[in-house]
PDB file of all heavy atoms in Angstrom:
ATOM      1  N   LEU A   1     -10.718  -1.394  18.027  1.00  0.00           N
ATOM      2  CA  LEU A   1      -9.905  -1.669  19.211  1.00  0.00           C
ATOM      3  C   LEU A   1      -9.835  -3.156  19.507  1.00  0.00           C
ATOM      4  O   LEU A   1      -8.759  -3.687  19.819  1.00  0.00           O
ATOM      5  CB  LEU A   1     -10.479  -0.919  20.418  1.00  0.00           C
ATOM      6  CG  LEU A   1     -10.436   0.609  20.330  1.00  0.00           C
ATOM      7  CD1 LEU A   1     -11.127   1.229  21.532  1.00  0.00           C
ATOM      8  CD2 LEU A   1      -8.994   1.115  20.227  1.00  0.00           C
ATOM      9  N   SER A   2     -10.967  -3.849  19.372  1.00  0.00           N
ATOM     10  CA  SER A   2     -10.977  -5.281  19.668  1.00  0.00           C
ATOM     11  C   SER A   2     -10.252  -6.099  18.605  1.00  0.00           C
ATOM     12  O   SER A   2      -9.833  -7.228  18.870  1.00  0.00           O
ATOM     13  CB  SER A   2     -12.422  -5.769  19.805  1.00  0.00           C
ATOM     14  OG  SER A   2     -13.138  -5.574  18.595  1.00  0.00           O
ATOM     15  N   ALA A   3     -10.084  -5.531  17.401  1.00  0.00           N
ATOM     16  CA  ALA A   3      -9.452  -6.276  16.302  1.00  0.00           C
ATOM     17  C   ALA A   3      -7.997  -5.893  16.083  1.00  0.00           C
ATOM     18  O   ALA A   3      -7.391  -6.338  15.104  1.00  0.00           O
ATOM     19  CB  ALA A   3     -10.244  -6.060  15.014  1.00  0.00           C
ATOM     20  N   GLU A   4      -7.429  -5.100  16.973  1.00  0.00           N
ATOM     21  CA  GLU A   4      -6.076  -4.571  16.728  1.00  0.00           C
ATOM     22  C   GLU A   4      -5.057  -5.682  16.465  1.00  0.00           C
ATOM     23  O   GLU A   4      -4.182  -5.551  15.596  1.00  0.00           O
ATOM     24  CB  GLU A   4      -5.625  -3.709  17.900  1.00  0.00           C
ATOM     25  CG  GLU A   4      -4.263  -3.074  17.678  1.00  0.00           C
ATOM     26  CD  GLU A   4      -3.880  -2.064  18.758  1.00  0.00           C
ATOM     27  OE1 GLU A   4      -4.652  -1.918  19.734  1.00  0.00           O
ATOM     28  OE2 GLU A   4      -2.810  -1.433  18.619  1.00  0.00           O
ATOM     29  N   LYS A   5      -5.158  -6.780  17.191  1.00  0.00           N
ATOM     30  CA  LYS A   5      -4.184  -7.853  17.023  1.00  0.00           C
ATOM     31  C   LYS A   5      -4.470  -8.711  15.789  1.00  0.00           C
ATOM     32  O   LYS A   5      -3.623  -9.520  15.390  1.00  0.00           O
ATOM     33  CB  LYS A   5      -4.164  -8.732  18.276  1.00  0.00           C
ATOM     34  CG  LYS A   5      -3.648  -8.006  19.516  1.00  0.00           C
ATOM     35  CD  LYS A   5      -3.602  -8.937  20.716  1.00  0.00           C
ATOM     36  CE  LYS A   5      -3.079  -8.217  21.945  1.00  0.00           C
ATOM     37  NZ  LYS A   5      -3.043  -9.104  23.148  1.00  0.00           N
ATOM     38  N   SER A   6      -5.637  -8.509  15.189  1.00  0.00           N
ATOM     39  CA  SER A   6      -6.018  -9.342  14.036  1.00  0.00           C
ATOM     40  C   SER A   6      -5.622  -8.727  12.704  1.00  0.00           C
ATOM     41  O   SER A   6      -5.539  -9.444  11.692  1.00  0.00           O
ATOM     42  CB  SER A   6      -7.536  -9.580  14.045  1.00  0.00           C
ATOM     43  OG  SER A   6      -7.941 -10.217  15.231  1.00  0.00           O
ATOM     44  N   VAL A   7      -5.425  -7.420  12.663  1.00  0.00           N
ATOM     45  CA  VAL A   7      -5.132  -6.767  11.390  1.00  0.00           C
ATOM     46  C   VAL A   7      -3.629  -6.739  11.146  1.00  0.00           C
ATOM     47  O   VAL A   7      -2.820  -6.795  12.085  1.00  0.00           O
ATOM     48  CB  VAL A   7      -5.684  -5.323  11.360  1.00  0.00           C
ATOM     49  CG1 VAL A   7      -7.191  -5.317  11.561  1.00  0.00           C
ATOM     50  CG2 VAL A   7      -4.996  -4.448  12.398  1.00  0.00           C
ATOM     51  N   ASN A   8      -3.279  -6.648   9.873  1.00  0.00           N
ATOM     52  CA  ASN A   8      -1.873  -6.489   9.494  1.00  0.00           C
ATOM     53  C   ASN A   8      -1.534  -5.009   9.613  1.00  0.00           C
ATOM     54  O   ASN A   8      -2.040  -4.195   8.833  1.00  0.00           O
ATOM     55  CB  ASN A   8      -1.657  -6.976   8.059  1.00  0.00           C
ATOM     56  CG  ASN A   8      -0.213  -6.866   7.613  1.00  0.00           C
ATOM     57  OD1 ASN A   8       0.603  -6.221   8.269  1.00  0.00           O
ATOM     58  ND2 ASN A   8       0.102  -7.485   6.489  1.00  0.00           N
ATOM     59  N   PRO A   9      -0.706  -4.611  10.562  1.00  0.00           N
ATOM     60  CA  PRO A   9      -0.468  -3.182  10.800  1.00  0.00           C
ATOM     61  C   PRO A   9       0.183  -2.457   9.633  1.00  0.00           C
ATOM     62  O   PRO A   9       0.062  -1.240   9.518  1.00  0.00           O
ATOM     63  CB  PRO A   9       0.449  -3.175  12.030  1.00  0.00           C
ATOM     64  CG  PRO A   9       1.109  -4.516  12.028  1.00  0.00           C
ATOM     65  CD  PRO A   9       0.096  -5.466  11.478  1.00  0.00           C
ATOM     66  N   SER A  10       0.852  -3.195   8.750  1.00  0.00           N
ATOM     67  CA  SER A  10       1.548  -2.547   7.636  1.00  0.00           C
ATOM     68  C   SER A  10       0.668  -2.382   6.400  1.00  0.00           C
ATOM     69  O   SER A  10       1.114  -1.808   5.398  1.00  0.00           O
ATOM     70  CB  SER A  10       2.804  -3.337   7.263  1.00  0.00           C
ATOM     71  OG  SER A  10       2.463  -4.641   6.813  1.00  0.00           O
ATOM     72  N   THR A  11      -0.568  -2.862   6.442  1.00  0.00           N
ATOM     73  CA  THR A  11      -1.470  -2.705   5.305  1.00  0.00           C
ATOM     74  C   THR A  11      -1.769  -1.229   5.079  1.00  0.00           C
ATOM     75  O   THR A  11      -2.066  -0.490   6.024  1.00  0.00           O
ATOM     76  CB  THR A  11      -2.790  -3.459   5.533  1.00  0.00           C
ATOM     77  OG1 THR A  11      -2.511  -4.848   5.707  1.00  0.00           O
ATOM     78  CG2 THR A  11      -3.742  -3.276   4.360  1.00  0.00           C
ATOM     79  N   ASN A  12      -1.707  -0.798   3.824  1.00  0.00           N
ATOM     80  CA  ASN A  12      -2.033   0.600   3.511  1.00  0.00           C
ATOM     81  C   ASN A  12      -3.443   0.931   3.987  1.00  0.00           C
ATOM     82  O   ASN A  12      -4.358   0.109   3.861  1.00  0.00           O
ATOM     83  CB  ASN A  12      -1.963   0.846   2.007  1.00  0.00           C
ATOM     84  CG  ASN A  12      -0.550   0.933   1.477  1.00  0.00           C
ATOM     85  OD1 ASN A  12       0.415   0.924   2.233  1.00  0.00           O
ATOM     86  ND2 ASN A  12      -0.425   1.003   0.156  1.00  0.00           N
ATOM     87  N   LEU A  13      -3.615   2.160   4.466  1.00  0.00           N
ATOM     88  CA  LEU A  13      -4.946   2.640   4.829  1.00  0.00           C
ATOM     89  C   LEU A  13      -5.373   3.755   3.865  1.00  0.00           C
ATOM     90  O   LEU A  13      -6.357   3.634   3.154  1.00  0.00           O
ATOM     91  CB  LEU A  13      -4.964   3.135   6.276  1.00  0.00           C
ATOM     92  CG  LEU A  13      -6.320   3.578   6.838  1.00  0.00           C
ATOM     93  CD1 LEU A  13      -7.409   2.562   6.587  1.00  0.00           C
ATOM     94  CD2 LEU A  13      -6.192   3.887   8.328  1.00  0.00           C
ATOM     95  N   ASN A  14      -4.618   4.845   3.810  1.00  0.00           N
ATOM     96  CA  ASN A  14      -4.891   5.954   2.894  1.00  0.00           C
ATOM     97  C   ASN A  14      -3.662   6.236   2.049  1.00  0.00           C
ATOM     98  O   ASN A  14      -2.545   5.831   2.386  1.00  0.00           O
ATOM     99  CB  ASN A  14      -5.279   7.216   3.652  1.00  0.00           C
ATOM    100  CG  ASN A  14      -6.568   7.090   4.447  1.00  0.00           C
ATOM    101  OD1 ASN A  14      -6.787   7.826   5.388  1.00  0.00           O
ATOM    102  ND2 ASN A  14      -7.432   6.150   4.099  1.00  0.00           N
ATOM    103  N   PHE A  15      -3.856   6.943   0.930  1.00  0.00           N
ATOM    104  CA  PHE A  15      -2.733   7.377   0.108  1.00  0.00           C
ATOM    105  C   PHE A  15      -3.109   8.645  -0.639  1.00  0.00           C
ATOM    106  O   PHE A  15      -4.283   9.009  -0.730  1.00  0.00           O
ATOM    107  CB  PHE A  15      -2.289   6.275  -0.870  1.00  0.00           C
ATOM    108  CG  PHE A  15      -3.295   5.886  -1.909  1.00  0.00           C
ATOM    109  CD1 PHE A  15      -3.341   6.525  -3.153  1.00  0.00           C
ATOM    110  CD2 PHE A  15      -4.195   4.846  -1.684  1.00  0.00           C
ATOM    111  CE1 PHE A  15      -4.249   6.146  -4.128  1.00  0.00           C
ATOM    112  CE2 PHE A  15      -5.109   4.455  -2.648  1.00  0.00           C
ATOM    113  CZ  PHE A  15      -5.141   5.113  -3.882  1.00  0.00           C
ATOM    114  N   VAL A  16      -2.094   9.338  -1.146  1.00  0.00           N
ATOM    115  CA  VAL A  16      -2.323  10.560  -1.915  1.00  0.00           C
ATOM    116  C   VAL A  16      -1.739  10.416  -3.309  1.00  0.00           C
ATOM    117  O   VAL A  16      -0.748   9.712  -3.517  1.00  0.00           O
ATOM    118  CB  VAL A  16      -1.711  11.806  -1.231  1.00  0.00           C
ATOM    119  CG1 VAL A  16      -2.535  12.219  -0.031  1.00  0.00           C
ATOM    120  CG2 VAL A  16      -0.262  11.592  -0.842  1.00  0.00           C
ATOM    121  N   THR A  17      -2.412  11.105  -4.249  1.00  0.00           N
ATOM    122  CA  THR A  17      -1.960  11.092  -5.643  1.00  0.00           C
ATOM    123  C   THR A  17      -1.942  12.515  -6.178  1.00  0.00           C
ATOM    124  O   THR A  17      -2.515  13.429  -5.585  1.00  0.00           O
ATOM    125  CB  THR A  17      -2.903  10.256  -6.534  1.00  0.00           C
ATOM    126  OG1 THR A  17      -4.119  10.989  -6.743  1.00  0.00           O
ATOM    127  CG2 THR A  17      -3.214   8.908  -5.917  1.00  0.00           C
ATOM    128  N   THR A  18      -1.307  12.686  -7.327  1.00  0.00           N
ATOM    129  CA  THR A  18      -1.251  13.998  -7.978  1.00  0.00           C
ATOM    130  C   THR A  18      -2.462  14.265  -8.855  1.00  0.00           C
ATOM    131  O   THR A  18      -2.473  15.256  -9.588  1.00  0.00           O
ATOM    132  CB  THR A  18       0.017  14.100  -8.845  1.00  0.00           C
ATOM    133  OG1 THR A  18      -0.024  13.081  -9.859  1.00  0.00           O
ATOM    134  CG2 THR A  18       1.280  13.934  -8.009  1.00  0.00           C
ATOM    135  N   ASN A  19      -3.481  13.431  -8.797  1.00  0.00           N
ATOM    136  CA  ASN A  19      -4.665  13.632  -9.645  1.00  0.00           C
ATOM    137  C   ASN A  19      -5.320  14.978  -9.371  1.00  0.00           C
ATOM    138  O   ASN A  19      -5.452  15.400  -8.224  1.00  0.00           O
ATOM    139  CB  ASN A  19      -5.671  12.510  -9.428  1.00  0.00           C
ATOM    140  CG  ASN A  19      -5.171  11.180  -9.948  1.00  0.00           C
ATOM    141  OD1 ASN A  19      -4.475  10.470  -9.233  1.00  0.00           O
ATOM    142  ND2 ASN A  19      -5.498  10.849 -11.180  1.00  0.00           N
ATOM    143  N   ASP A  20      -5.744  15.628 -10.443  1.00  0.00           N
ATOM    144  CA  ASP A  20      -6.375  16.941 -10.369  1.00  0.00           C
ATOM    145  C   ASP A  20      -7.860  16.733 -10.087  1.00  0.00           C
ATOM    146  O   ASP A  20      -8.645  16.428 -10.986  1.00  0.00           O
ATOM    147  CB  ASP A  20      -6.168  17.671 -11.706  1.00  0.00           C
ATOM    148  CG  ASP A  20      -6.682  19.099 -11.689  1.00  0.00           C
ATOM    149  OD1 ASP A  20      -7.108  19.565 -10.618  1.00  0.00           O
ATOM    150  OD2 ASP A  20      -6.655  19.748 -12.750  1.00  0.00           O
ATOM    151  N   ILE A  21      -8.255  16.889  -8.817  1.00  0.00           N
ATOM    152  CA  ILE A  21      -9.651  16.705  -8.429  1.00  0.00           C
ATOM    153  C   ILE A  21     -10.153  17.966  -7.734  1.00  0.00           C
ATOM    154  O   ILE A  21      -9.380  18.872  -7.415  1.00  0.00           O
ATOM    155  CB  ILE A  21      -9.842  15.496  -7.492  1.00  0.00           C
ATOM    156  CG1 ILE A  21      -9.170  15.783  -6.139  1.00  0.00           C
ATOM    157  CG2 ILE A  21      -9.317  14.225  -8.125  1.00  0.00           C
ATOM    158  CD1 ILE A  21      -9.629  14.873  -5.031  1.00  0.00           C
ATOM    159  N   ILE A  22     -11.452  18.006  -7.486  1.00  0.00           N
ATOM    160  CA  ILE A  22     -12.065  19.130  -6.768  1.00  0.00           C
ATOM    161  C   ILE A  22     -13.363  18.602  -6.161  1.00  0.00           C
ATOM    162  O   ILE A  22     -13.749  17.448  -6.399  1.00  0.00           O
ATOM    163  CB  ILE A  22     -12.289  20.334  -7.712  1.00  0.00           C
ATOM    164  CG1 ILE A  22     -12.353  21.645  -6.947  1.00  0.00           C
ATOM    165  CG2 ILE A  22     -13.526  20.122  -8.563  1.00  0.00           C
ATOM    166  CD1 ILE A  22     -11.048  22.062  -6.302  1.00  0.00           C
ATOM    167  N   GLY A  23     -14.089  19.425  -5.410  1.00  0.00           N
ATOM    168  CA  GLY A  23     -15.352  19.009  -4.832  1.00  0.00           C
ATOM    169  C   GLY A  23     -16.272  18.416  -5.881  1.00  0.00           C
ATOM    170  O   GLY A  23     -16.472  18.996  -6.942  1.00  0.00           O
ATOM    171  N   GLY A  24     -16.846  17.257  -5.594  1.00  0.00           N
ATOM    172  CA  GLY A  24     -17.629  16.515  -6.575  1.00  0.00           C
ATOM    173  C   GLY A  24     -16.952  15.208  -6.927  1.00  0.00           C
ATOM    174  O   GLY A  24     -17.592  14.270  -7.408  1.00  0.00           O
ATOM    175  N   ASN A  25     -15.646  15.119  -6.643  1.00  0.00           N
ATOM    176  CA  ASN A  25     -14.901  13.894  -6.914  1.00  0.00           C
ATOM    177  C   ASN A  25     -14.971  12.903  -5.758  1.00  0.00           C
ATOM    178  O   ASN A  25     -14.481  11.772  -5.896  1.00  0.00           O
ATOM    179  CB  ASN A  25     -13.433  14.195  -7.227  1.00  0.00           C
ATOM    180  CG  ASN A  25     -13.176  14.484  -8.683  1.00  0.00           C
ATOM    181  OD1 ASN A  25     -12.744  15.575  -9.048  1.00  0.00           O
ATOM    182  ND2 ASN A  25     -13.434  13.507  -9.534  1.00  0.00           N
ATOM    183  N   SER A  26     -15.510  13.293  -4.621  1.00  0.00           N
ATOM    184  CA  SER A  26     -15.620  12.343  -3.512  1.00  0.00           C
ATOM    185  C   SER A  26     -16.428  11.132  -3.961  1.00  0.00           C
ATOM    186  O   SER A  26     -17.506  11.266  -4.526  1.00  0.00           O
ATOM    187  CB  SER A  26     -16.290  13.007  -2.314  1.00  0.00           C
ATOM    188  OG  SER A  26     -15.473  14.017  -1.768  1.00  0.00           O
TER     189      SER A  26
END
């Protein structure tokens, strides 16, 4: 909250891929 004005809002945070994963890949 205190850094909201300091970060670039358009920077990626999360993304999804088609990779075949399952529990254990974390």
